[in-house]
């Protein structure tokens, strides 16, 4: 277990990270039940994209320099839009039902503003 200094913010305290992390587990559970062809063609890309949102936020959070942090937050935003694409494609191909689609879409809708906030706060608050 990594020991963290108590005065520092942790990735789990960042709303965008929490939403993305929970959603990635939800998507994993859905995709893991798909047939082989669906997993191979859409599932792998979908899981990779959705995992990458929280992964890039965490990596950016761990970087020291402002430009490094921002780069990973921008990558997270790119993965978010890729995840939206795979969500829509999965719905269109009847791989996810309406209830799951509505939940996933509502969670993804929270993230652009949250990730943009991370980029902006990093730009404004960090000196280098």
N, C-alpha and C. Protein backbone atom coordinates (compact mmCIF):
# COMPACT_ATOMS: atom_id res chain seq x y z
N UNK A 1 0.84 -1.19 0.00
CA UNK A 1 0.00 0.00 0.00
C UNK A 1 0.88 1.24 0.00
N UNK A 2 0.53 2.21 -0.81
CA UNK A 2 1.28 3.45 -0.90
C UNK A 2 0.85 4.38 0.22
N UNK A 3 1.82 4.89 0.95
CA UNK A 3 1.51 5.83 2.02
C UNK A 3 1.46 7.23 1.43
N UNK A 4 0.36 7.92 1.65
CA UNK A 4 0.18 9.27 1.13
C UNK A 4 0.24 10.27 2.28
N UNK A 5 0.79 11.43 2.00
CA UNK A 5 0.80 12.51 2.98
C UNK A 5 -0.63 13.02 3.12
N UNK A 6 -1.08 13.19 4.35
CA UNK A 6 -2.47 13.52 4.61
C UNK A 6 -2.91 14.86 4.02
N UNK A 7 -2.01 15.81 3.85
CA UNK A 7 -2.38 17.13 3.39
C UNK A 7 -2.60 17.21 1.88
N UNK A 8 -2.25 16.16 1.15
CA UNK A 8 -2.38 16.20 -0.29
C UNK A 8 -3.69 15.57 -0.73
N UNK A 9 -4.25 16.16 -1.77
CA UNK A 9 -5.45 15.63 -2.40
C UNK A 9 -5.11 14.29 -3.07
N UNK A 10 -6.04 13.37 -3.03
CA UNK A 10 -5.86 12.06 -3.66
C UNK A 10 -6.76 12.00 -4.90
N UNK A 11 -6.39 11.18 -5.90
CA UNK A 11 -7.24 11.08 -7.09
C UNK A 11 -8.69 10.72 -6.76
N UNK A 12 -8.88 9.89 -5.75
CA UNK A 12 -10.23 9.47 -5.38
C UNK A 12 -11.10 10.65 -4.91
N UNK A 13 -10.47 11.76 -4.56
CA UNK A 13 -11.21 12.94 -4.11
C UNK A 13 -11.60 13.85 -5.28
N UNK A 14 -11.17 13.50 -6.48
CA UNK A 14 -11.52 14.27 -7.67
C UNK A 14 -12.76 13.63 -8.29
N UNK A 15 -13.81 14.40 -8.43
CA UNK A 15 -15.09 13.88 -8.89
C UNK A 15 -14.96 13.18 -10.25
N UNK A 16 -14.25 13.76 -11.18
CA UNK A 16 -14.11 13.16 -12.52
C UNK A 16 -13.49 11.77 -12.42
N UNK A 17 -12.49 11.62 -11.58
CA UNK A 17 -11.85 10.32 -11.41
C UNK A 17 -12.84 9.31 -10.84
N UNK A 18 -13.58 9.70 -9.82
CA UNK A 18 -14.54 8.79 -9.19
C UNK A 18 -15.61 8.33 -10.15
N UNK A 19 -16.19 9.26 -10.91
CA UNK A 19 -17.23 8.91 -11.87
C UNK A 19 -16.67 7.97 -12.93
N UNK A 20 -15.51 8.33 -13.49
CA UNK A 20 -14.90 7.52 -14.55
C UNK A 20 -14.50 6.14 -14.05
N UNK A 21 -13.97 6.07 -12.86
CA UNK A 21 -13.54 4.80 -12.29
C UNK A 21 -14.72 3.86 -12.05
N UNK A 22 -15.78 4.38 -11.47
CA UNK A 22 -16.98 3.56 -11.25
C UNK A 22 -17.60 3.11 -12.57
N UNK A 23 -17.65 4.02 -13.53
CA UNK A 23 -18.25 3.70 -14.81
C UNK A 23 -17.44 2.64 -15.56
N UNK A 24 -16.13 2.70 -15.43
CA UNK A 24 -15.30 1.70 -16.12
C UNK A 24 -15.57 0.29 -15.59
N UNK A 25 -15.81 0.16 -14.29
CA UNK A 25 -16.16 -1.15 -13.72
C UNK A 25 -17.52 -1.61 -14.22
N UNK A 26 -18.45 -0.67 -14.34
CA UNK A 26 -19.79 -1.00 -14.84
C UNK A 26 -19.70 -1.51 -16.29
N UNK A 27 -18.94 -0.81 -17.12
CA UNK A 27 -18.77 -1.22 -18.52
C UNK A 27 -18.08 -2.57 -18.60
N UNK A 28 -17.05 -2.77 -17.78
CA UNK A 28 -16.34 -4.06 -17.76
C UNK A 28 -17.32 -5.20 -17.51
N UNK A 29 -18.19 -5.03 -16.52
CA UNK A 29 -19.16 -6.08 -16.19
C UNK A 29 -20.13 -6.34 -17.34
N UNK A 30 -20.51 -5.30 -18.06
CA UNK A 30 -21.40 -5.49 -19.21
C UNK A 30 -20.68 -6.24 -20.34
N UNK A 31 -19.52 -5.73 -20.71
CA UNK A 31 -18.79 -6.27 -21.86
C UNK A 31 -18.34 -7.71 -21.60
N UNK A 32 -18.01 -8.01 -20.36
CA UNK A 32 -17.54 -9.37 -20.05
C UNK A 32 -18.59 -10.44 -20.35
N UNK A 33 -19.84 -10.06 -20.48
CA UNK A 33 -20.93 -10.99 -20.78
C UNK A 33 -21.24 -11.10 -22.27
N UNK A 34 -20.62 -10.27 -23.08
CA UNK A 34 -20.88 -10.30 -24.52
C UNK A 34 -20.27 -11.55 -25.15
N UNK A 35 -20.76 -11.89 -26.34
CA UNK A 35 -20.17 -13.01 -27.07
C UNK A 35 -18.79 -12.63 -27.61
N UNK A 36 -18.07 -13.64 -28.07
CA UNK A 36 -16.69 -13.43 -28.49
C UNK A 36 -16.56 -12.37 -29.58
N UNK A 37 -17.39 -12.43 -30.61
CA UNK A 37 -17.30 -11.49 -31.72
C UNK A 37 -17.52 -10.05 -31.25
N UNK A 38 -18.51 -9.83 -30.42
CA UNK A 38 -18.80 -8.49 -29.91
C UNK A 38 -17.68 -7.97 -29.03
N UNK A 39 -17.12 -8.84 -28.20
CA UNK A 39 -15.97 -8.44 -27.37
C UNK A 39 -14.78 -8.06 -28.23
N UNK A 40 -14.52 -8.88 -29.24
CA UNK A 40 -13.34 -8.68 -30.10
C UNK A 40 -13.44 -7.42 -30.94
N UNK A 41 -14.63 -7.12 -31.46
CA UNK A 41 -14.78 -6.00 -32.38
C UNK A 41 -15.03 -4.67 -31.67
N UNK A 42 -15.87 -4.66 -30.68
CA UNK A 42 -16.23 -3.41 -29.99
C UNK A 42 -15.77 -3.42 -28.54
N UNK A 43 -15.95 -4.54 -27.88
CA UNK A 43 -15.72 -4.62 -26.44
C UNK A 43 -14.34 -4.21 -25.97
N UNK A 44 -13.32 -4.71 -26.64
CA UNK A 44 -11.94 -4.39 -26.23
C UNK A 44 -11.68 -2.89 -26.35
N UNK A 45 -12.13 -2.30 -27.46
CA UNK A 45 -11.92 -0.87 -27.65
C UNK A 45 -12.73 -0.04 -26.64
N UNK A 46 -13.93 -0.50 -26.36
CA UNK A 46 -14.81 0.19 -25.42
C UNK A 46 -14.20 0.17 -24.02
N UNK A 47 -13.79 -0.99 -23.56
CA UNK A 47 -13.20 -1.12 -22.22
C UNK A 47 -11.89 -0.32 -22.14
N UNK A 48 -11.08 -0.39 -23.18
CA UNK A 48 -9.82 0.35 -23.19
C UNK A 48 -10.08 1.85 -23.10
N UNK A 49 -11.03 2.35 -23.88
CA UNK A 49 -11.35 3.78 -23.88
C UNK A 49 -11.89 4.23 -22.52
N UNK A 50 -12.82 3.47 -21.97
CA UNK A 50 -13.45 3.87 -20.71
C UNK A 50 -12.46 3.78 -19.55
N UNK A 51 -11.59 2.75 -19.55
CA UNK A 51 -10.56 2.64 -18.52
C UNK A 51 -9.55 3.79 -18.62
N UNK A 52 -9.32 4.23 -19.83
CA UNK A 52 -8.33 5.27 -20.08
C UNK A 52 -8.73 6.63 -19.50
N UNK A 53 -10.01 6.86 -19.33
CA UNK A 53 -10.44 8.15 -18.75
C UNK A 53 -9.87 8.29 -17.35
N UNK A 54 -10.21 7.38 -16.46
CA UNK A 54 -9.72 7.44 -15.08
C UNK A 54 -8.21 7.25 -15.04
N UNK A 55 -7.68 6.37 -15.89
CA UNK A 55 -6.24 6.14 -15.92
C UNK A 55 -5.45 7.39 -16.25
N UNK A 56 -5.91 8.15 -17.23
CA UNK A 56 -5.22 9.38 -17.59
C UNK A 56 -5.38 10.47 -16.53
N UNK A 57 -6.54 10.52 -15.89
CA UNK A 57 -6.71 11.48 -14.80
C UNK A 57 -5.74 11.15 -13.67
N UNK A 58 -5.65 9.87 -13.32
CA UNK A 58 -4.73 9.46 -12.25
C UNK A 58 -3.29 9.76 -12.63
N UNK A 59 -2.92 9.46 -13.87
CA UNK A 59 -1.53 9.71 -14.28
C UNK A 59 -1.23 11.21 -14.31
N UNK A 60 -2.16 12.00 -14.82
CA UNK A 60 -1.97 13.45 -14.80
C UNK A 60 -1.85 13.98 -13.40
N UNK A 61 -2.65 13.44 -12.51
CA UNK A 61 -2.62 13.84 -11.12
C UNK A 61 -1.25 13.58 -10.50
N UNK A 62 -0.61 12.51 -10.93
CA UNK A 62 0.68 12.14 -10.38
C UNK A 62 1.87 12.87 -10.99
N UNK A 63 1.63 13.64 -12.02
CA UNK A 63 2.72 14.38 -12.67
C UNK A 63 3.01 15.66 -11.91
N UNK A 64 4.25 16.13 -12.01
CA UNK A 64 4.67 17.31 -11.27
C UNK A 64 4.46 18.59 -12.07
N UNK A 65 4.82 18.58 -13.33
CA UNK A 65 4.78 19.80 -14.14
C UNK A 65 3.40 20.03 -14.76
N UNK A 66 3.05 21.28 -14.84
CA UNK A 66 1.74 21.68 -15.34
C UNK A 66 1.44 21.09 -16.72
N UNK A 67 2.37 21.21 -17.65
CA UNK A 67 2.14 20.73 -19.02
C UNK A 67 1.96 19.21 -19.05
N UNK A 68 2.70 18.50 -18.20
CA UNK A 68 2.51 17.05 -18.11
C UNK A 68 1.10 16.72 -17.62
N UNK A 69 0.67 17.40 -16.57
CA UNK A 69 -0.67 17.17 -16.02
C UNK A 69 -1.73 17.44 -17.09
N UNK A 70 -1.61 18.59 -17.73
CA UNK A 70 -2.60 18.97 -18.74
C UNK A 70 -2.67 17.97 -19.88
N UNK A 71 -1.52 17.47 -20.32
CA UNK A 71 -1.47 16.50 -21.41
C UNK A 71 -2.32 15.28 -21.08
N UNK A 72 -2.19 14.77 -19.87
CA UNK A 72 -2.96 13.58 -19.48
C UNK A 72 -4.44 13.91 -19.30
N UNK A 73 -4.76 15.10 -18.83
CA UNK A 73 -6.16 15.49 -18.72
C UNK A 73 -6.80 15.63 -20.10
N UNK A 74 -6.04 16.16 -21.06
CA UNK A 74 -6.53 16.22 -22.43
C UNK A 74 -6.72 14.81 -23.00
N UNK A 75 -5.80 13.91 -22.69
CA UNK A 75 -5.94 12.52 -23.13
C UNK A 75 -7.21 11.89 -22.53
N UNK A 76 -7.49 12.20 -21.27
CA UNK A 76 -8.70 11.70 -20.62
C UNK A 76 -9.94 12.20 -21.35
N UNK A 77 -9.90 13.46 -21.75
CA UNK A 77 -11.04 14.02 -22.48
C UNK A 77 -11.22 13.34 -23.84
N UNK A 78 -10.11 13.05 -24.51
CA UNK A 78 -10.19 12.33 -25.77
C UNK A 78 -10.78 10.94 -25.58
N UNK A 79 -10.36 10.26 -24.53
CA UNK A 79 -10.90 8.93 -24.23
C UNK A 79 -12.37 9.00 -23.88
N UNK A 80 -12.78 10.08 -23.26
CA UNK A 80 -14.20 10.28 -22.95
C UNK A 80 -15.02 10.31 -24.23
N UNK A 81 -14.57 11.08 -25.21
CA UNK A 81 -15.33 11.17 -26.45
C UNK A 81 -15.30 9.86 -27.23
N UNK A 82 -14.21 9.12 -27.13
CA UNK A 82 -14.17 7.79 -27.74
C UNK A 82 -15.17 6.87 -27.02
N UNK A 83 -15.26 6.98 -25.71
CA UNK A 83 -16.20 6.16 -24.94
C UNK A 83 -17.65 6.48 -25.31
N UNK A 84 -17.93 7.75 -25.55
CA UNK A 84 -19.28 8.13 -26.00
C UNK A 84 -19.58 7.44 -27.33
N UNK A 85 -18.61 7.44 -28.22
CA UNK A 85 -18.78 6.77 -29.51
C UNK A 85 -19.12 5.29 -29.32
N UNK A 86 -18.33 4.59 -28.49
CA UNK A 86 -18.55 3.15 -28.31
C UNK A 86 -19.85 2.87 -27.58
N UNK A 87 -20.27 3.78 -26.72
CA UNK A 87 -21.56 3.62 -26.05
C UNK A 87 -22.68 3.68 -27.07
N UNK A 88 -22.62 4.67 -27.94
CA UNK A 88 -23.65 4.81 -28.98
C UNK A 88 -23.64 3.62 -29.94
N UNK A 89 -22.45 3.17 -30.32
CA UNK A 89 -22.33 2.03 -31.23
C UNK A 89 -22.87 0.76 -30.57
N UNK A 90 -22.59 0.58 -29.28
CA UNK A 90 -23.08 -0.59 -28.55
C UNK A 90 -24.60 -0.59 -28.47
N UNK A 91 -25.18 0.56 -28.27
CA UNK A 91 -26.64 0.66 -28.22
C UNK A 91 -27.24 0.36 -29.59
N UNK A 92 -26.66 0.95 -30.62
CA UNK A 92 -27.17 0.77 -31.98
C UNK A 92 -27.12 -0.70 -32.40
N UNK A 93 -26.12 -1.43 -31.93
CA UNK A 93 -25.96 -2.84 -32.29
C UNK A 93 -26.59 -3.78 -31.26
N UNK A 94 -27.42 -3.21 -30.39
CA UNK A 94 -28.18 -3.98 -29.40
C UNK A 94 -27.30 -4.80 -28.45
N UNK A 95 -26.15 -4.25 -28.11
CA UNK A 95 -25.27 -4.90 -27.13
C UNK A 95 -25.55 -4.42 -25.71
N UNK A 96 -26.16 -3.24 -25.60
CA UNK A 96 -26.58 -2.75 -24.29
C UNK A 96 -28.05 -2.34 -24.38
N UNK A 97 -28.76 -2.54 -23.29
CA UNK A 97 -30.18 -2.20 -23.29
C UNK A 97 -30.39 -0.71 -22.98
N UNK A 98 -31.62 -0.27 -23.11
CA UNK A 98 -31.94 1.15 -22.93
C UNK A 98 -31.62 1.63 -21.52
N UNK A 99 -31.92 0.83 -20.52
CA UNK A 99 -31.66 1.23 -19.13
C UNK A 99 -30.16 1.45 -18.91
N UNK A 100 -29.34 0.51 -19.35
CA UNK A 100 -27.89 0.65 -19.19
C UNK A 100 -27.35 1.82 -20.01
N UNK A 101 -27.88 1.95 -21.23
CA UNK A 101 -27.46 3.07 -22.08
C UNK A 101 -27.75 4.41 -21.41
N UNK A 102 -28.94 4.55 -20.85
CA UNK A 102 -29.32 5.80 -20.19
C UNK A 102 -28.39 6.10 -19.00
N UNK A 103 -28.10 5.08 -18.22
CA UNK A 103 -27.19 5.25 -17.08
C UNK A 103 -25.79 5.66 -17.55
N UNK A 104 -25.25 4.92 -18.51
CA UNK A 104 -23.90 5.20 -19.01
C UNK A 104 -23.83 6.61 -19.60
N UNK A 105 -24.81 6.95 -20.43
CA UNK A 105 -24.83 8.27 -21.06
C UNK A 105 -24.91 9.39 -20.02
N UNK A 106 -25.71 9.19 -18.98
CA UNK A 106 -25.83 10.23 -17.95
C UNK A 106 -24.53 10.41 -17.18
N UNK A 107 -23.81 9.32 -16.93
CA UNK A 107 -22.52 9.41 -16.25
C UNK A 107 -21.47 10.05 -17.16
N UNK A 108 -21.45 9.67 -18.43
CA UNK A 108 -20.50 10.27 -19.36
C UNK A 108 -20.76 11.76 -19.54
N UNK A 109 -22.04 12.15 -19.49
CA UNK A 109 -22.39 13.57 -19.63
C UNK A 109 -21.82 14.44 -18.52
N UNK A 110 -21.52 13.86 -17.38
CA UNK A 110 -20.95 14.61 -16.25
C UNK A 110 -19.48 14.96 -16.49
N UNK A 111 -18.81 14.17 -17.32
CA UNK A 111 -17.35 14.23 -17.37
C UNK A 111 -16.73 15.38 -18.16
N UNK A 112 -17.31 15.84 -19.28
CA UNK A 112 -16.62 16.93 -19.99
C UNK A 112 -16.38 18.16 -19.12
N UNK A 113 -17.38 18.56 -18.40
CA UNK A 113 -17.25 19.72 -17.52
C UNK A 113 -16.21 19.48 -16.42
N UNK A 114 -16.25 18.29 -15.84
CA UNK A 114 -15.31 17.95 -14.77
C UNK A 114 -13.86 17.92 -15.28
N UNK A 115 -13.65 17.32 -16.44
CA UNK A 115 -12.30 17.24 -16.99
C UNK A 115 -11.82 18.62 -17.43
N UNK A 116 -12.71 19.40 -18.04
CA UNK A 116 -12.33 20.77 -18.40
C UNK A 116 -11.96 21.59 -17.18
N UNK A 117 -12.65 21.34 -16.06
CA UNK A 117 -12.31 22.02 -14.82
C UNK A 117 -10.90 21.64 -14.37
N UNK A 118 -10.55 20.36 -14.47
CA UNK A 118 -9.19 19.92 -14.11
C UNK A 118 -8.14 20.64 -14.95
N UNK A 119 -8.40 20.75 -16.24
CA UNK A 119 -7.47 21.44 -17.14
C UNK A 119 -7.35 22.90 -16.75
N UNK A 120 -8.48 23.55 -16.52
CA UNK A 120 -8.48 24.98 -16.19
C UNK A 120 -7.81 25.25 -14.85
N UNK A 121 -8.14 24.46 -13.84
CA UNK A 121 -7.56 24.69 -12.51
C UNK A 121 -6.06 24.44 -12.53
N UNK A 122 -5.62 23.48 -13.33
CA UNK A 122 -4.20 23.21 -13.47
C UNK A 122 -3.51 24.39 -14.13
N UNK A 123 -4.13 24.93 -15.16
CA UNK A 123 -3.57 26.08 -15.87
C UNK A 123 -3.48 27.30 -14.96
N UNK A 124 -4.50 27.53 -14.18
CA UNK A 124 -4.57 28.73 -13.33
C UNK A 124 -3.71 28.61 -12.06
N UNK A 125 -3.76 27.45 -11.42
CA UNK A 125 -3.14 27.31 -10.09
C UNK A 125 -1.67 26.93 -10.11
N UNK A 126 -1.22 26.19 -11.12
CA UNK A 126 0.17 25.76 -11.12
C UNK A 126 1.05 26.74 -11.85
N UNK A 127 2.25 26.93 -11.34
CA UNK A 127 3.16 27.91 -11.95
C UNK A 127 4.00 27.32 -13.06
N UNK A 128 4.38 26.05 -12.93
CA UNK A 128 5.23 25.47 -13.98
C UNK A 128 4.72 24.16 -14.48
